[in-house]
Amino acid sequence: MIDNDVVSILVAWGKGEDLIKRIRSFGTNRSIGREIQQYCVSVSEKDFEILKNTDRIEDIDGIWAQKDPYLYDSMVGLINNEMLNNEILIK
């Protein structure tokens, strides 16, 4: 089953970390809105709620962004709670 209810999260990978800092300092605008698209990952509504309730993401000027520095890995991608609970880390 494909979940159509997804939320985008800006991750601190590559230029994404810089973009998060810029949004914190200056807010969003049309230019940043286009830039962040390539540094976002989509998560299901259920996973979004878990990430939000466990303080792993934050709302910065209307953009959901990575807060936990260990949430995203460039080799694995988004490290979700199931992976953490089962201690599955692929390197």
C-alpha atoms as a PDB file:
ATOM      1  CA  MET A   1       0.000   0.000   0.000  1.00  0.00           C
ATOM      2  CA  ILE A   2       1.331   3.440  -0.929  1.00  0.00           C
ATOM      3  CA  ASP A   3       0.814   6.179   1.626  1.00  0.00           C
ATOM      4  CA  ASN A   4      -0.101   9.414  -0.163  1.00  0.00           C
ATOM      5  CA  ASP A   5      -0.067  11.476   3.033  1.00  0.00           C
ATOM      6  CA  VAL A   6       3.578  12.475   3.267  1.00  0.00           C
ATOM      7  CA  VAL A   7       5.487  15.349   4.812  1.00  0.00           C
ATOM      8  CA  SER A   8       8.771  16.751   3.506  1.00  0.00           C
ATOM      9  CA  ILE A   9      11.664  17.237   5.900  1.00  0.00           C
ATOM     10  CA  LEU A  10      14.757  19.285   5.088  1.00  0.00           C
ATOM     11  CA  VAL A  11      17.811  17.250   6.071  1.00  0.00           C
ATOM     12  CA  ALA A  12      21.274  18.464   7.057  1.00  0.00           C
ATOM     13  CA  TRP A  13      23.074  16.749   4.202  1.00  0.00           C
ATOM     14  CA  GLY A  14      25.324  18.568   1.791  1.00  0.00           C
ATOM     15  CA  LYS A  15      24.052  22.110   1.325  1.00  0.00           C
ATOM     16  CA  GLY A  16      20.970  21.251   3.400  1.00  0.00           C
ATOM     17  CA  GLU A  17      22.773  22.049   6.640  1.00  0.00           C
ATOM     18  CA  ASP A  18      23.635  25.511   5.317  1.00  0.00           C
ATOM     19  CA  LEU A  19      20.042  26.049   4.193  1.00  0.00           C
ATOM     20  CA  ILE A  20      18.745  25.160   7.671  1.00  0.00           C
ATOM     21  CA  LYS A  21      21.076  27.792   9.161  1.00  0.00           C
ATOM     22  CA  ARG A  22      19.954  30.393   6.598  1.00  0.00           C
ATOM     23  CA  ILE A  23      16.278  29.751   7.303  1.00  0.00           C
ATOM     24  CA  ARG A  24      16.890  30.070  11.052  1.00  0.00           C
ATOM     25  CA  SER A  25      18.642  33.422  10.500  1.00  0.00           C
ATOM     26  CA  PHE A  26      16.644  34.999   7.673  1.00  0.00           C
ATOM     27  CA  GLY A  27      13.422  33.002   7.222  1.00  0.00           C
ATOM     28  CA  THR A  28      12.154  31.587   3.950  1.00  0.00           C
ATOM     29  CA  ASN A  29      11.676  33.134   0.549  1.00  0.00           C
ATOM     30  CA  ARG A  30      10.941  31.902  -2.961  1.00  0.00           C
ATOM     31  CA  SER A  31      14.631  31.365  -3.775  1.00  0.00           C
ATOM     32  CA  ILE A  32      15.286  29.210  -0.695  1.00  0.00           C
ATOM     33  CA  GLY A  33      12.037  27.353  -1.339  1.00  0.00           C
ATOM     34  CA  ARG A  34      13.394  26.133  -4.669  1.00  0.00           C
ATOM     35  CA  GLU A  35      16.830  25.335  -3.231  1.00  0.00           C
ATOM     36  CA  ILE A  36      15.588  23.180  -0.367  1.00  0.00           C
ATOM     37  CA  GLN A  37      13.625  20.780  -2.567  1.00  0.00           C
ATOM     38  CA  GLN A  38      16.696  18.714  -3.425  1.00  0.00           C
ATOM     39  CA  TYR A  39      17.610  18.370   0.272  1.00  0.00           C
ATOM     40  CA  CYS A  40      14.208  17.165   1.470  1.00  0.00           C
ATOM     41  CA  VAL A  41      13.040  13.652   2.187  1.00  0.00           C
ATOM     42  CA  SER A  42       9.422  12.539   2.349  1.00  0.00           C
ATOM     43  CA  VAL A  43       8.090  10.633   5.334  1.00  0.00           C
ATOM     44  CA  SER A  44       4.681   9.188   6.061  1.00  0.00           C
ATOM     45  CA  GLU A  45       2.321  11.146   8.285  1.00  0.00           C
ATOM     46  CA  LYS A  46       2.787   8.457  10.953  1.00  0.00           C
ATOM     47  CA  ASP A  47       6.604   8.707  10.886  1.00  0.00           C
ATOM     48  CA  PHE A  48       6.361  12.500  10.830  1.00  0.00           C
ATOM     49  CA  GLU A  49       4.330  12.475  14.048  1.00  0.00           C
ATOM     50  CA  ILE A  50       6.889  10.179  15.695  1.00  0.00           C
ATOM     51  CA  LEU A  51       9.796  12.405  14.616  1.00  0.00           C
ATOM     52  CA  LYS A  52       7.978  15.543  15.777  1.00  0.00           C
ATOM     53  CA  ASN A  53       6.914  14.062  19.126  1.00  0.00           C
ATOM     54  CA  THR A  54      10.427  12.763  19.842  1.00  0.00           C
ATOM     55  CA  ASP A  55      11.959  16.195  19.104  1.00  0.00           C
ATOM     56  CA  ARG A  56      14.034  14.965  16.148  1.00  0.00           C
ATOM     57  CA  ILE A  57      12.679  17.609  13.736  1.00  0.00           C
ATOM     58  CA  GLU A  58      11.655  21.238  14.162  1.00  0.00           C
ATOM     59  CA  ASP A  59       9.448  23.760  12.399  1.00  0.00           C
ATOM     60  CA  ILE A  60      11.587  26.656  11.182  1.00  0.00           C
ATOM     61  CA  ASP A  61       9.488  29.360   9.566  1.00  0.00           C
ATOM     62  CA  GLY A  62       7.037  26.808   8.173  1.00  0.00           C
ATOM     63  CA  ILE A  63       9.710  24.333   7.000  1.00  0.00           C
ATOM     64  CA  TRP A  64      10.123  21.036   8.852  1.00  0.00           C
ATOM     65  CA  ALA A  65      13.847  20.481   9.295  1.00  0.00           C
ATOM     66  CA  GLN A  66      16.216  17.984  10.855  1.00  0.00           C
ATOM     67  CA  LYS A  67      17.045  18.837  14.466  1.00  0.00           C
ATOM     68  CA  ASP A  68      18.667  15.571  15.561  1.00  0.00           C
ATOM     69  CA  PRO A  69      22.158  15.402  13.999  1.00  0.00           C
ATOM     70  CA  TYR A  70      21.876  11.603  13.732  1.00  0.00           C
ATOM     71  CA  LEU A  71      18.526  11.547  11.924  1.00  0.00           C
ATOM     72  CA  TYR A  72      19.992  11.403   8.410  1.00  0.00           C
ATOM     73  CA  ASP A  73      22.949   9.443   7.079  1.00  0.00           C
ATOM     74  CA  SER A  74      24.228   9.994   3.533  1.00  0.00           C
ATOM     75  CA  MET A  75      24.761   6.240   3.046  1.00  0.00           C
ATOM     76  CA  VAL A  76      21.551   4.968   4.682  1.00  0.00           C
ATOM     77  CA  GLY A  77      19.174   7.888   4.342  1.00  0.00           C
ATOM     78  CA  LEU A  78      16.658   8.724   7.021  1.00  0.00           C
ATOM     79  CA  ILE A  79      17.236   6.609  10.106  1.00  0.00           C
ATOM     80  CA  ASN A  80      13.761   5.915  11.402  1.00  0.00           C
ATOM     81  CA  ASN A  81      12.678   4.642  14.812  1.00  0.00           C
ATOM     82  CA  GLU A  82      12.286   1.062  13.617  1.00  0.00           C
ATOM     83  CA  MET A  83      15.944   1.031  12.600  1.00  0.00           C
ATOM     84  CA  LEU A  84      16.991   2.569  15.902  1.00  0.00           C
ATOM     85  CA  ASN A  85      14.848   0.209  17.951  1.00  0.00           C
ATOM     86  CA  ASN A  86      16.219  -2.811  16.124  1.00  0.00           C
ATOM     87  CA  GLU A  87      19.766  -1.410  16.159  1.00  0.00           C
ATOM     88  CA  ILE A  88      20.075  -1.793  12.389  1.00  0.00           C
ATOM     89  CA  LEU A  89      22.782   0.516  11.130  1.00  0.00           C
ATOM     90  CA  ILE A  90      24.216  -0.209   7.720  1.00  0.00           C
ATOM     91  CA  LYS A  91      27.569   1.373   6.955  1.00  0.00           C
END
